[in-house]
Every structure is written in structure tokens, then in C-alpha cells.
Amino acid sequence: MIFESFIVSYAFMLQKYCFFWRCAKKCVILQFEKFIYRLKEIKHTQMKDLESLRANIDELDQLLWDIISRRVEVAREIGEWKHTHGEAIIQPERYQHVLNHCLEQGKQHGLSEELVREVMDALHKESVRVES
């Protein structure tokens, strides 16, 4: 009952001061519009930052492909050497040594063992393919 009486009094006051209410309402709307505009600016800035971060990723991806391509070329040369000298293409001890070294390097760089194993397994598979 007290709350209802407060609402009625408040509504009456708002009607009585309607002019002030319209002004206040306009002020609130303007403030809200400014707020929305600022949010859009922030989002645009963040998107700009996101775009530059993605551009960095694109550059790094290109470097990765360049390095992987060079690694495959070296594997091809190793394959030629192995064929010439009668060596086996797959040498499990060598791969285990390389994998252990890479797991240690990955750990030092904060990379998961799963990622290192998957990458090295894919690289090894490609190396065996081009060496054959």
C-alpha cells in the first residue's frame, strides 16, 4: 500500500512537471546514444586491433609454410642420400630422438605435448613420403 501510494504520487509529480520530464528524458536518450556510439567506437577499435592481430597470424602462417617447405626439401635430399647409400627410409631411433628433442623444446615454449606430437607426426609422415 505504501509502495502504491508512492507510485501514484510519483506519477502525479511527473505529470505536473511534464516539461522537466521531457527534458530529462531527452537528456537520458542523448546520454544513451552517446554511450552506444562510444561502445561502437570501442568495438571498432577492438576490431581494428583484432584485424592487426589476425594480420600477424597470417604473416606467421606464411613463415611456417616457408619453413615447412624448406624442411620437406631437406627431407627429399635426405631421401636421395638414403637411396644412394642403401639406408632405410624409416629409422625409428632417429625419429624418437627428434621427437624427444621437440617435446622438450615445446615444453620450454609452453606448448602442449599433444600439439608437439601431432605436428611432429605430420611432419614425419610427410618426410617419409618425400624420401620414398
C-alpha atoms as a PDB file:
ATOM      1  CA  MET A   1       0.000   0.000   0.000  1.00  0.00           C
ATOM      2  CA  ILE A   2       2.825   2.412   0.807  1.00  0.00           C
ATOM      3  CA  PHE A   3       4.557   1.474  -2.429  1.00  0.00           C
ATOM      4  CA  GLU A   4       1.352   2.036  -4.444  1.00  0.00           C
ATOM      5  CA  SER A   5       0.860   5.424  -2.886  1.00  0.00           C
ATOM      6  CA  PHE A   6       4.466   6.292  -3.706  1.00  0.00           C
ATOM      7  CA  ILE A   7       3.907   5.308  -7.342  1.00  0.00           C
ATOM      8  CA  VAL A   8       0.740   7.395  -7.582  1.00  0.00           C
ATOM      9  CA  SER A   9       2.493  10.388  -6.025  1.00  0.00           C
ATOM     10  CA  TYR A  10       5.459   9.912  -8.320  1.00  0.00           C
ATOM     11  CA  ALA A  11       3.223   9.692 -11.409  1.00  0.00           C
ATOM     12  CA  PHE A  12       1.328  12.809 -10.348  1.00  0.00           C
ATOM     13  CA  MET A  13       4.603  14.642  -9.834  1.00  0.00           C
ATOM     14  CA  LEU A  14       5.812  13.541 -13.266  1.00  0.00           C
ATOM     15  CA  GLN A  15       2.615  14.765 -14.901  1.00  0.00           C
ATOM     16  CA  LYS A  16       2.851  18.044 -13.013  1.00  0.00           C
ATOM     17  CA  TYR A  17       6.408  18.545 -14.170  1.00  0.00           C
ATOM     18  CA  CYS A  18       5.945  17.059 -17.633  1.00  0.00           C
ATOM     19  CA  PHE A  19       8.117  19.695 -19.240  1.00  0.00           C
ATOM     20  CA  PHE A  20      11.005  18.739 -16.976  1.00  0.00           C
ATOM     21  CA  TRP A  21      10.311  15.071 -17.608  1.00  0.00           C
ATOM     22  CA  ARG A  22      10.554  15.565 -21.376  1.00  0.00           C
ATOM     23  CA  CYS A  23      13.830  17.412 -20.915  1.00  0.00           C
ATOM     24  CA  ALA A  24      15.178  14.729 -18.591  1.00  0.00           C
ATOM     25  CA  LYS A  25      14.020  12.036 -20.985  1.00  0.00           C
ATOM     26  CA  LYS A  26      15.805  13.764 -23.874  1.00  0.00           C
ATOM     27  CA  CYS A  27      18.914  14.078 -21.729  1.00  0.00           C
ATOM     28  CA  VAL A  28      18.799  10.374 -20.849  1.00  0.00           C
ATOM     29  CA  ILE A  29      18.269   9.450 -24.507  1.00  0.00           C
ATOM     30  CA  LEU A  30      21.194  11.647 -25.563  1.00  0.00           C
ATOM     31  CA  GLN A  31      23.403  10.101 -22.902  1.00  0.00           C
ATOM     32  CA  PHE A  32      22.318   6.643 -24.013  1.00  0.00           C
ATOM     33  CA  GLU A  33      23.047   7.480 -27.656  1.00  0.00           C
ATOM     34  CA  LYS A  34      26.499   8.757 -26.665  1.00  0.00           C
ATOM     35  CA  PHE A  35      27.059   5.557 -24.722  1.00  0.00           C
ATOM     36  CA  ILE A  36      26.054   3.410 -27.705  1.00  0.00           C
ATOM     37  CA  TYR A  37      28.264   5.482 -30.006  1.00  0.00           C
ATOM     38  CA  ARG A  38      31.207   5.004 -27.626  1.00  0.00           C
ATOM     39  CA  LEU A  39      30.571   1.264 -27.491  1.00  0.00           C
ATOM     40  CA  LYS A  40      30.630   1.179 -31.283  1.00  0.00           C
ATOM     41  CA  GLU A  41      33.906   3.127 -31.255  1.00  0.00           C
ATOM     42  CA  ILE A  42      35.397   0.700 -28.760  1.00  0.00           C
ATOM     43  CA  LYS A  43      34.210  -2.262 -30.830  1.00  0.00           C
ATOM     44  CA  HIS A  44      35.660  -0.674 -33.975  1.00  0.00           C
ATOM     45  CA  THR A  45      38.970  -0.124 -32.183  1.00  0.00           C
ATOM     46  CA  GLN A  46      38.917  -3.686 -30.916  1.00  0.00           C
ATOM     47  CA  MET A  47      38.115  -4.938 -34.399  1.00  0.00           C
ATOM     48  CA  LYS A  48      40.984  -2.864 -35.729  1.00  0.00           C
ATOM     49  CA  ASP A  49      43.228  -4.455 -33.127  1.00  0.00           C
ATOM     50  CA  LEU A  50      41.754  -7.847 -33.946  1.00  0.00           C
ATOM     51  CA  GLU A  51      42.447  -7.249 -37.624  1.00  0.00           C
ATOM     52  CA  SER A  52      46.074  -6.351 -36.912  1.00  0.00           C
ATOM     53  CA  LEU A  53      46.426  -9.417 -34.677  1.00  0.00           C
ATOM     54  CA  ARG A  54      44.973 -11.558 -37.439  1.00  0.00           C
ATOM     55  CA  ALA A  55      47.382  -9.965 -39.909  1.00  0.00           C
ATOM     56  CA  ASN A  56      50.207 -11.024 -37.570  1.00  0.00           C
ATOM     57  CA  ILE A  57      48.843 -14.574 -37.555  1.00  0.00           C
ATOM     58  CA  ASP A  58      48.711 -14.519 -41.371  1.00  0.00           C
ATOM     59  CA  GLU A  59      52.357 -13.435 -41.529  1.00  0.00           C
ATOM     60  CA  LEU A  60      53.378 -16.123 -39.066  1.00  0.00           C
ATOM     61  CA  ASP A  61      51.434 -18.735 -41.031  1.00  0.00           C
ATOM     62  CA  GLN A  62      53.335 -17.714 -44.160  1.00  0.00           C
ATOM     63  CA  LEU A  63      56.621 -18.119 -42.285  1.00  0.00           C
ATOM     64  CA  LEU A  64      55.507 -21.548 -41.067  1.00  0.00           C
ATOM     65  CA  TRP A  65      54.732 -22.658 -44.627  1.00  0.00           C
ATOM     66  CA  ASP A  66      58.097 -21.347 -45.811  1.00  0.00           C
ATOM     67  CA  ILE A  67      59.881 -23.278 -43.068  1.00  0.00           C
ATOM     68  CA  ILE A  68      57.837 -26.446 -43.626  1.00  0.00           C
ATOM     69  CA  SER A  69      58.504 -26.224 -47.355  1.00  0.00           C
ATOM     70  CA  ARG A  70      62.243 -25.938 -46.704  1.00  0.00           C
ATOM     71  CA  ARG A  71      62.080 -28.874 -44.273  1.00  0.00           C
ATOM     72  CA  VAL A  72      60.361 -31.011 -46.924  1.00  0.00           C
ATOM     73  CA  GLU A  73      63.087 -30.109 -49.433  1.00  0.00           C
ATOM     74  CA  VAL A  74      65.766 -31.207 -46.972  1.00  0.00           C
ATOM     75  CA  ALA A  75      63.844 -34.452 -46.358  1.00  0.00           C
ATOM     76  CA  ARG A  76      63.805 -35.012 -50.112  1.00  0.00           C
ATOM     77  CA  GLU A  77      67.607 -34.561 -50.204  1.00  0.00           C
ATOM     78  CA  ILE A  78      67.954 -36.988 -47.275  1.00  0.00           C
ATOM     79  CA  GLY A  79      65.820 -39.469 -49.209  1.00  0.00           C
ATOM     80  CA  GLU A  80      68.143 -39.194 -52.205  1.00  0.00           C
ATOM     81  CA  TRP A  81      71.156 -39.754 -49.949  1.00  0.00           C
ATOM     82  CA  LYS A  82      69.490 -42.776 -48.295  1.00  0.00           C
ATOM     83  CA  HIS A  83      68.673 -44.290 -51.703  1.00  0.00           C
ATOM     84  CA  THR A  84      72.231 -43.742 -52.907  1.00  0.00           C
ATOM     85  CA  HIS A  85      73.757 -45.282 -49.772  1.00  0.00           C
ATOM     86  CA  GLY A  86      71.226 -48.077 -49.250  1.00  0.00           C
ATOM     87  CA  GLU A  87      69.890 -46.719 -45.955  1.00  0.00           C
ATOM     88  CA  ALA A  88      66.375 -47.495 -44.705  1.00  0.00           C
ATOM     89  CA  ILE A  89      63.866 -44.671 -45.175  1.00  0.00           C
ATOM     90  CA  ILE A  90      62.246 -45.171 -41.785  1.00  0.00           C
ATOM     91  CA  GLN A  91      64.641 -45.079 -38.852  1.00  0.00           C
ATOM     92  CA  PRO A  92      62.615 -45.310 -35.622  1.00  0.00           C
ATOM     93  CA  GLU A  93      65.547 -44.446 -33.337  1.00  0.00           C
ATOM     94  CA  ARG A  94      66.213 -41.216 -35.216  1.00  0.00           C
ATOM     95  CA  TYR A  95      62.555 -40.228 -35.136  1.00  0.00           C
ATOM     96  CA  GLN A  96      62.338 -40.951 -31.401  1.00  0.00           C
ATOM     97  CA  HIS A  97      65.421 -38.788 -30.806  1.00  0.00           C
ATOM     98  CA  VAL A  98      63.929 -35.924 -32.865  1.00  0.00           C
ATOM     99  CA  LEU A  99      60.536 -36.275 -31.158  1.00  0.00           C
ATOM    100  CA  ASN A 100      62.067 -36.226 -27.655  1.00  0.00           C
ATOM    101  CA  HIS A 101      64.071 -33.121 -28.533  1.00  0.00           C
ATOM    102  CA  CYS A 102      60.989 -31.400 -29.933  1.00  0.00           C
ATOM    103  CA  LEU A 103      58.886 -32.358 -26.904  1.00  0.00           C
ATOM    104  CA  GLU A 104      61.493 -30.723 -24.664  1.00  0.00           C
ATOM    105  CA  GLN A 105      61.594 -27.622 -26.872  1.00  0.00           C
ATOM    106  CA  GLY A 106      57.793 -27.473 -26.932  1.00  0.00           C
ATOM    107  CA  LYS A 107      57.656 -27.733 -23.150  1.00  0.00           C
ATOM    108  CA  GLN A 108      60.125 -24.839 -22.829  1.00  0.00           C
ATOM    109  CA  HIS A 109      57.868 -22.764 -25.089  1.00  0.00           C
ATOM    110  CA  GLY A 110      54.709 -23.615 -23.158  1.00  0.00           C
ATOM    111  CA  LEU A 111      53.232 -25.839 -25.866  1.00  0.00           C
ATOM    112  CA  SER A 112      51.175 -28.915 -25.098  1.00  0.00           C
ATOM    113  CA  GLU A 113      52.715 -32.321 -25.633  1.00  0.00           C
ATOM    114  CA  GLU A 114      49.697 -33.227 -27.750  1.00  0.00           C
ATOM    115  CA  LEU A 115      50.354 -30.349 -30.167  1.00  0.00           C
ATOM    116  CA  VAL A 116      54.055 -31.170 -30.470  1.00  0.00           C
ATOM    117  CA  ARG A 117      53.330 -34.856 -31.106  1.00  0.00           C
ATOM    118  CA  GLU A 118      50.663 -34.100 -33.728  1.00  0.00           C
ATOM    119  CA  VAL A 119      52.867 -31.622 -35.583  1.00  0.00           C
ATOM    120  CA  MET A 120      55.910 -33.867 -35.483  1.00  0.00           C
ATOM    121  CA  ASP A 121      53.907 -36.922 -36.544  1.00  0.00           C
ATOM    122  CA  ALA A 122      52.528 -34.977 -39.531  1.00  0.00           C
ATOM    123  CA  LEU A 123      55.999 -33.705 -40.448  1.00  0.00           C
ATOM    124  CA  HIS A 124      57.499 -37.188 -40.103  1.00  0.00           C
ATOM    125  CA  LYS A 125      54.755 -38.697 -42.270  1.00  0.00           C
ATOM    126  CA  GLU A 126      55.438 -36.092 -44.971  1.00  0.00           C
ATOM    127  CA  SER A 127      59.200 -36.656 -44.687  1.00  0.00           C
ATOM    128  CA  VAL A 128      58.765 -40.407 -45.184  1.00  0.00           C
ATOM    129  CA  ARG A 129      56.505 -39.720 -48.166  1.00  0.00           C
ATOM    130  CA  VAL A 130      59.032 -37.478 -49.948  1.00  0.00           C
ATOM    131  CA  GLU A 131      62.019 -39.648 -49.008  1.00  0.00           C
ATOM    132  CA  SER A 132      60.416 -42.735 -50.599  1.00  0.00           C
END
